Protein backbone atom coordinates (compact mmCIF):
# COMPACT_ATOMS: atom_id res chain seq x y z
CA MET A 1 45.84 -3.36 -0.77
CA SER A 2 43.38 -6.25 -1.16
CA PRO A 3 39.82 -5.41 -1.14
CA LYS A 4 39.69 -7.70 2.09
CA ASN A 5 39.23 -5.24 5.17
CA LYS A 6 39.76 -6.82 8.33
CA GLN A 7 37.38 -4.49 10.14
CA TYR A 8 34.97 -5.57 7.88
CA PRO A 9 34.81 -9.42 7.42
CA GLU A 10 31.42 -8.58 6.16
CA SER A 11 32.96 -7.56 2.60
CA GLU A 12 34.43 -11.05 2.09
CA GLN A 13 30.74 -11.60 1.19
CA MET A 14 30.27 -8.77 -1.26
CA ILE A 15 33.89 -9.54 -2.83
CA LYS A 16 31.89 -13.12 -3.90
CA GLU A 17 28.97 -11.53 -4.78
CA VAL A 18 30.70 -9.12 -7.32
CA ASP A 19 32.69 -12.28 -8.35
CA ASN A 20 29.51 -14.12 -9.33
CA PHE A 21 28.19 -11.43 -11.17
CA VAL A 22 29.33 -13.68 -14.70
CA ASP A 23 28.05 -16.79 -13.15
CA GLY A 24 24.73 -15.12 -12.73
CA LEU A 25 24.60 -14.13 -16.35
CA PHE A 26 25.68 -17.32 -17.56
CA LYS A 27 22.97 -19.23 -15.16
CA ALA A 28 19.98 -16.79 -16.07
CA ALA A 29 20.54 -16.54 -19.97
CA ARG A 30 21.03 -20.60 -20.57
CA THR A 31 17.90 -21.12 -18.41
CA LYS A 32 14.64 -22.20 -20.68
CA LEU A 33 11.49 -19.70 -20.41
CA ARG A 34 8.41 -19.88 -21.66
CA MET A 35 7.31 -15.95 -22.91
CA PRO A 36 4.24 -14.46 -24.45
CA ILE A 37 5.16 -13.11 -27.77
CA ASP A 38 1.68 -11.46 -28.60
CA PHE A 39 2.79 -8.05 -27.74
CA ASN A 40 3.74 -4.41 -29.45
CA SER A 41 5.39 -2.93 -26.94
CA MET A 42 8.09 -3.56 -23.84
CA CYS A 43 7.82 -1.72 -20.22
CA ILE A 44 10.39 -2.66 -17.71
CA CYS A 45 9.61 -1.67 -14.21
CA GLY A 46 12.12 -1.28 -11.51
CA MET A 47 13.80 0.78 -8.81
CA GLY A 48 17.87 0.81 -8.18
CA GLY A 49 19.43 -2.21 -9.84
CA SER A 50 16.77 -3.58 -11.27
CA GLY A 51 15.73 -0.81 -13.01
CA PHE A 52 19.41 -0.71 -14.16
CA SER A 53 19.11 -3.47 -15.48
CA GLY A 54 16.69 -2.70 -17.95
CA ASP A 55 18.79 0.32 -19.30
CA ILE A 56 21.82 -2.09 -19.79
CA ILE A 57 19.26 -3.97 -22.44
CA ALA A 58 17.39 -0.96 -23.43
CA ASP A 59 20.12 0.89 -24.18
CA ILE A 60 21.42 -1.90 -27.01
CA LEU A 61 17.95 -2.50 -28.70
CA PRO A 62 17.83 0.01 -30.82
CA GLY A 63 18.06 -0.47 -34.59
CA LEU A 64 17.30 -4.30 -33.51
CA TRP A 65 13.90 -4.69 -32.43
CA LYS A 66 10.75 -2.79 -33.67
CA ILE A 67 9.15 -3.17 -30.28
CA PRO A 68 10.05 -0.15 -28.03
CA VAL A 69 11.16 -0.80 -24.80
CA LYS A 70 10.68 1.76 -22.21
CA VAL A 71 12.21 1.36 -18.43
CA ILE A 72 10.29 3.02 -16.28
CA LYS A 73 11.54 4.18 -12.61
CA SER A 74 8.63 5.48 -10.89
CA THR A 75 5.07 4.83 -9.22
CA SER A 76 3.23 5.18 -11.81
CA ILE A 77 3.35 3.23 -15.52
CA PRO A 78 2.59 5.89 -19.01
CA ASN A 79 -0.66 5.72 -20.24
CA TRP A 80 0.52 3.60 -23.46
CA VAL A 81 1.04 1.04 -21.41
CA ASN A 82 -2.21 -1.56 -22.21
CA ASP A 83 -2.98 -5.31 -22.99
CA LYS A 84 -0.53 -5.46 -25.86
CA THR A 85 1.88 -4.62 -23.91
CA LEU A 86 4.55 -6.72 -22.01
CA VAL A 87 5.53 -5.12 -18.71
CA VAL A 88 8.44 -6.99 -16.82
CA VAL A 89 8.27 -5.97 -13.37
CA SER A 90 11.68 -6.24 -11.41
CA SER A 91 12.27 -6.07 -7.52
CA TYR A 92 14.74 -7.94 -5.77
CA SER A 93 13.54 -7.78 -2.45
CA GLY A 94 9.35 -8.21 -4.00
CA ASN A 95 8.76 -5.18 -1.70
CA THR A 96 9.75 -2.29 -3.31
CA LYS A 97 6.27 0.19 -2.66
CA GLU A 98 7.30 2.09 -6.23
CA THR A 99 7.28 -0.98 -8.38
CA LEU A 100 4.69 -2.98 -6.34
CA MET A 101 1.99 0.02 -7.37
CA MET A 102 3.26 -0.23 -11.04
CA TYR A 103 2.88 -4.08 -11.00
CA ASP A 104 -1.24 -3.11 -9.64
CA GLN A 105 -1.61 -0.43 -12.58
CA ALA A 106 -0.47 -2.98 -15.31
CA ALA A 107 -2.41 -5.86 -13.62
CA LYS A 108 -5.38 -3.31 -13.72
CA ARG A 109 -4.78 -2.79 -17.41
CA GLY A 110 -4.94 -5.99 -18.33
CA CYS A 111 -0.83 -6.42 -19.56
CA LYS A 112 0.70 -9.29 -20.02
CA ILE A 113 3.37 -9.40 -16.79
CA VAL A 114 6.35 -10.71 -15.95
CA ALA A 115 7.91 -10.78 -12.59
CA ILE A 116 11.69 -10.90 -11.45
CA THR A 117 12.16 -11.34 -7.88
CA SER A 118 13.52 -13.10 -4.68
CA GLY A 119 10.01 -13.31 -3.34
CA GLY A 120 8.36 -10.82 -1.23
CA GLU A 121 4.65 -9.55 -2.05
CA LEU A 122 5.58 -9.30 -5.60
CA ARG A 123 6.29 -13.07 -5.83
CA ASP A 124 2.81 -13.29 -3.89
CA LYS A 125 0.96 -11.03 -6.00
CA CYS A 126 2.25 -12.82 -9.56
CA MET A 127 1.13 -16.15 -8.06
CA ARG A 128 -2.54 -14.91 -7.02
CA ASP A 129 -2.95 -13.58 -10.47
CA SER A 130 -0.88 -16.52 -12.13
CA ASN A 131 1.42 -14.60 -13.74
CA LYS A 132 4.62 -15.72 -15.00
CA LEU A 133 7.17 -15.93 -12.23
CA ILE A 134 11.06 -15.88 -12.60
CA GLU A 135 13.10 -16.13 -9.09
CA VAL A 136 16.67 -15.29 -8.57
CA PRO A 137 18.85 -16.22 -5.57
CA THR A 138 17.83 -15.09 -1.82
CA GLU A 139 20.43 -13.72 0.69
CA ILE A 140 22.73 -11.26 -1.28
CA GLN A 141 22.57 -7.54 -1.78
CA PRO A 142 19.79 -6.43 -4.20
CA ARG A 143 22.63 -4.30 -6.10
CA SER A 144 24.89 -7.68 -6.76
CA SER A 145 21.71 -9.42 -7.91
CA ILE A 146 22.28 -7.42 -11.46
CA GLY A 147 24.10 -10.66 -13.39
CA TYR A 148 20.63 -12.90 -12.87
CA THR A 149 18.47 -9.86 -13.39
CA ILE A 150 20.48 -8.65 -17.12
CA GLY A 151 20.40 -12.54 -18.20
CA TYR A 152 17.27 -13.08 -17.28
CA LEU A 153 16.28 -10.12 -19.21
CA ALA A 154 18.32 -11.08 -22.45
CA ASN A 155 16.76 -14.59 -22.14
CA ILE A 156 13.13 -12.44 -21.93
CA VAL A 157 13.56 -10.47 -25.31
CA GLU A 158 15.18 -13.37 -27.11
CA THR A 159 12.77 -15.97 -25.95
CA ALA A 160 10.00 -13.64 -26.53
CA GLY A 161 10.57 -13.35 -30.48
CA GLY A 162 13.38 -10.26 -30.08
CA PRO A 163 17.25 -10.32 -31.18
CA LYS A 164 19.16 -12.80 -30.16
CA ILE A 165 20.37 -11.05 -27.52
CA LYS A 166 20.76 -13.83 -24.98
CA SER A 167 22.77 -16.13 -27.44
CA ASP A 168 25.10 -13.32 -28.18
CA LEU A 169 25.64 -13.18 -24.42
CA LEU A 170 26.44 -16.49 -23.69
CA LYS A 171 28.94 -16.01 -26.78
CA SER A 172 30.76 -13.50 -24.68
CA ILE A 173 31.03 -15.27 -21.09
CA SER A 174 34.28 -16.98 -21.77
CA ALA A 175 35.87 -13.19 -22.31
CA LEU A 176 34.13 -11.76 -19.24
CA ARG A 177 35.70 -14.59 -16.99
CA LYS A 178 39.10 -14.11 -18.44
CA TYR A 179 38.43 -10.22 -17.52
CA ARG A 180 37.09 -10.89 -14.10
CA GLY A 181 41.25 -12.31 -14.00
CA LYS A 182 42.82 -9.72 -15.19
CA ILE A 183 41.35 -6.51 -13.38
CA TRP A 184 40.99 -8.49 -9.89
CA MET A 185 43.66 -11.01 -8.14
CA ARG A 186 44.00 -11.09 -4.42
CA ASN A 187 46.91 -9.34 -3.23
CA LEU A 188 48.71 -8.20 -6.71
CA GLU A 189 48.54 -4.70 -8.52
CA THR A 190 45.62 -4.73 -10.56
CA PRO A 191 44.14 -2.38 -13.04
CA ALA A 192 40.87 -2.06 -10.31
CA LYS A 193 43.44 -1.36 -7.52
CA GLY A 194 45.18 1.31 -9.34
CA ILE A 195 42.59 3.39 -10.40
CA ALA A 196 41.18 3.06 -6.64
CA GLU A 197 44.20 4.24 -5.27
CA ARG A 198 44.15 7.29 -7.73
CA LEU A 199 41.03 7.90 -7.16
CA HIS A 200 41.14 8.03 -2.86
CA GLY A 201 40.03 11.12 -1.77
CA LYS A 202 38.47 12.58 -4.70
CA VAL A 203 34.78 13.11 -5.78
CA PRO A 204 35.54 10.84 -8.96
CA ALA A 205 33.17 12.21 -12.12
CA ILE A 206 32.34 9.19 -15.03
CA TYR A 207 31.47 10.04 -18.20
CA ALA A 208 31.02 7.63 -21.06
CA PRO A 209 29.80 7.98 -24.70
CA VAL A 210 26.05 7.18 -24.74
CA SER A 211 26.61 3.52 -25.47
CA LEU A 212 28.17 2.99 -22.00
CA SER A 213 26.12 5.21 -20.18
CA THR A 214 24.23 3.12 -17.82
CA ALA A 215 27.81 1.31 -16.96
CA ALA A 216 28.91 4.71 -16.01
CA LEU A 217 25.80 4.84 -13.74
CA ARG A 218 26.59 1.77 -12.59
CA TRP A 219 30.43 2.87 -11.39
CA LYS A 220 28.68 6.13 -9.44
CA ASN A 221 25.98 3.71 -7.75
CA GLN A 222 28.57 1.31 -6.77
CA MET A 223 31.19 4.48 -5.36
CA ASN A 224 27.72 5.50 -3.28
CA GLU A 225 26.75 2.37 -2.23
CA ASN A 226 29.90 0.35 -1.44
CA SER A 227 32.49 2.81 -1.03
CA LYS A 228 30.22 5.61 0.90
CA ILE A 229 31.68 8.55 -1.37
CA ILE A 230 29.93 10.78 -3.46
CA ALA A 231 30.10 10.44 -7.21
CA PHE A 232 28.36 11.61 -10.49
CA SER A 233 27.91 10.49 -13.91
CA GLY A 234 27.46 11.77 -17.47
CA THR A 235 28.08 11.61 -21.31
CA ILE A 236 29.73 12.62 -23.79
CA PRO A 237 29.11 14.68 -26.13
CA GLU A 238 26.49 15.90 -23.69
CA LEU A 239 29.62 16.93 -21.31
CA ASN A 240 31.00 19.61 -24.19
CA HIS A 241 27.77 21.61 -23.57
CA ASN A 242 28.07 22.46 -20.33
CA GLU A 243 30.01 20.66 -17.34
CA ILE A 244 33.07 21.20 -20.05
CA VAL A 245 33.06 24.64 -18.59
CA GLY A 246 33.32 23.50 -14.88
CA TRP A 247 36.42 21.77 -15.81
CA SER A 248 38.16 24.78 -17.41
CA ASN A 249 38.26 26.30 -13.34
CA THR A 250 41.82 24.53 -12.23
CA ASN A 251 40.76 24.29 -8.59
CA ALA A 252 38.15 21.60 -9.84
CA GLY A 253 41.19 18.84 -10.09
CA SER A 254 41.92 19.73 -5.88
CA SER A 255 38.78 17.87 -5.10
CA CYS A 256 37.34 16.11 -8.13
CA THR A 257 38.67 13.97 -10.76
CA PRO A 258 37.07 13.29 -13.92
CA VAL A 259 36.77 9.45 -15.05
CA ILE A 260 36.47 8.63 -19.03
CA ILE A 261 35.14 5.41 -20.26
CA TYR A 262 36.59 5.04 -23.51
CA GLU A 263 34.88 2.32 -25.57
CA ASP A 264 36.98 0.61 -27.98
CA GLY A 265 35.43 0.79 -31.93
CA LEU A 266 33.33 3.84 -31.43
CA PRO A 267 32.19 5.72 -34.46
CA HIS A 268 34.80 7.96 -35.72
CA ALA A 269 32.45 11.19 -35.01
CA ASP A 270 32.07 10.20 -31.50
CA ALA A 271 35.86 8.90 -31.49
CA LEU A 272 36.37 12.85 -32.30
CA MET A 273 34.61 13.86 -29.51
CA MET A 274 36.03 11.77 -26.64
CA ASN A 275 39.42 13.04 -27.52
CA GLU A 276 38.48 16.45 -27.90
CA SER A 277 36.82 16.08 -24.70
CA ILE A 278 40.05 14.68 -23.16
CA GLU A 279 42.57 17.26 -24.45
CA THR A 280 40.07 20.42 -23.39
CA ILE A 281 39.72 18.65 -19.61
CA ARG A 282 43.97 18.30 -19.89
CA SER A 283 44.43 21.88 -21.19
CA SER A 284 43.23 23.11 -17.63
CA GLY A 285 45.71 21.37 -15.86
CA ILE A 286 43.21 18.31 -15.01
CA ASP A 287 44.45 14.96 -15.68
CA PRO A 288 41.67 12.97 -16.34
CA GLU A 289 41.48 9.07 -15.82
CA ILE A 290 40.91 7.17 -18.83
CA ILE A 291 39.34 3.71 -18.73
CA LYS A 292 39.69 1.79 -22.32
CA ILE A 293 37.10 -0.82 -22.68
CA ASP A 294 37.11 -3.16 -25.60
CA GLY A 295 34.95 -6.27 -26.46
CA ARG A 296 33.22 -7.96 -29.28
CA THR A 297 30.08 -6.47 -29.19
CA GLN A 298 28.17 -3.18 -26.99
CA LEU A 299 26.66 -5.64 -24.93
CA GLU A 300 30.31 -7.49 -23.61
CA ARG A 301 31.96 -3.95 -23.49
CA SER A 302 29.10 -2.82 -21.21
CA LEU A 303 29.55 -5.92 -18.82
CA LYS A 304 32.97 -5.14 -18.79
CA ALA A 305 32.74 -1.46 -17.59
CA ILE A 306 30.28 -2.66 -14.65
CA MET A 307 32.57 -5.71 -13.49
CA LEU A 308 35.62 -3.24 -13.39
CA GLY A 309 33.63 -0.24 -11.32
CA ASP A 310 32.27 -2.73 -9.43
CA TYR A 311 36.34 -4.15 -8.67
CA VAL A 312 37.06 -0.17 -8.07
CA SER A 313 34.33 0.46 -5.48
CA LEU A 314 35.17 -2.15 -3.20
CA PHE A 315 39.07 -1.63 -3.18
CA LEU A 316 37.97 1.98 -2.49
CA ALA A 317 35.53 0.84 0.70
CA SER A 318 39.19 -1.12 1.71
CA ILE A 319 41.08 2.01 1.14
CA ASN A 320 38.57 4.01 2.98
CA GLY A 321 38.20 1.81 5.76
CA VAL A 322 34.34 1.10 5.59
CA ASN A 323 32.14 -1.58 5.23
CA PRO A 324 30.85 -2.44 1.34
CA MET A 325 27.89 -4.08 2.81
CA GLU A 326 26.44 -1.94 5.07
CA VAL A 327 23.10 0.47 3.33
CA GLU A 328 21.59 1.34 6.73
CA VAL A 329 20.46 4.80 5.50
CA LEU A 330 18.95 3.64 2.49
CA LEU A 331 16.99 1.12 4.07
CA ASN A 332 15.84 3.10 6.69
CA PHE A 333 14.76 5.34 3.72
CA LYS A 334 12.63 2.57 2.05
CA GLN A 335 10.89 1.87 5.32
CA ARG A 336 9.64 5.44 5.97
CA VAL A 337 8.53 5.90 2.15
CA ALA A 338 7.19 2.53 2.32
CA ILE A 339 5.38 3.41 5.33
CA LEU A 340 4.36 7.14 3.93
CA LEU A 341 2.75 5.69 0.46
CA GLY A 342 0.95 3.09 2.48
CA ARG A 343 -0.78 5.37 4.56
CA SER A 344 -1.84 7.64 1.68
CA GLY A 345 -2.62 5.06 -0.70
CA GLY A 346 0.39 5.83 -2.92
CA LYS A 347 -1.38 9.50 -3.58
CA PRO A 348 0.37 12.73 -2.48
CA LYS A 349 -1.19 14.64 0.00
CA LYS A 350 -2.76 17.65 -0.63
CA LYS A 351 -1.24 20.88 0.52
CA LYS A 352 -3.26 23.01 2.96
CA THR A 353 -3.92 26.54 0.94
């Protein structure tokens, strides 16, 4: 079965957007930027896919850069953020209420601000305040913009004097394009199709080593939004301190399937933990889906895992007969929250006593 869903022709647009992931990475990473370099901390503000892109970059920076980097997914920035902080504010639409509130706080504190957006109020604020503005293409799903956002964030870090993750990303483009051709070819048997068929009718619980935890989260998010199913994500070895007990119940396998993203080149101790986790789950009569991800660097492996999960979610959408583009519940919720926060000025209402 191909991801093309005859009942929902909009699926073709989503396939094109997923196909464009690598091209978005390439275009954003090779764009020439001018960035401030006088800062001692970095804060990436964003919700959903925008915050996710920050997580991908933040995951690979420990040990590479002396500058602390924190991703904030909230309505307020931490107290430590000040005029020596580089604040990257990311919102695809430019109208995400939580992100706009964080922008206003950063501007009030005199932070160095860079905005990544396709337009909206964030673009207007940035231009009004003469802050750095990076614009991404319009008329795509926000969750499909992560190629551009990841590429621009890698570009920002390196251009601002950080580790050469932009250069490293550009070196991986050829390998990522080859991988795309391997996991997704229309009407042919592919790894993505096989995984989707085995997960059909199940609740996937996606686990990965900490180094690929954000990729596992992307799998969960794409299954929620594209495939319209419940899914969960977690990490190993944390799994072994709680959820492993739940998998010891043989009934768990009747409705749920553990999906283990196994990263090539793991440190010896981490590999032992992964192997033992798998064997413990199998000892309960549950057969986990094992997905092996290789690649030259941690960033390349993370990007490959993201790509595979995106295509799996599209196959699942087709099998389930649902439209991967439709997220009306999410849009309605955002609209209600924006109205409520607007009425209260972003402050929670006090409860009557």
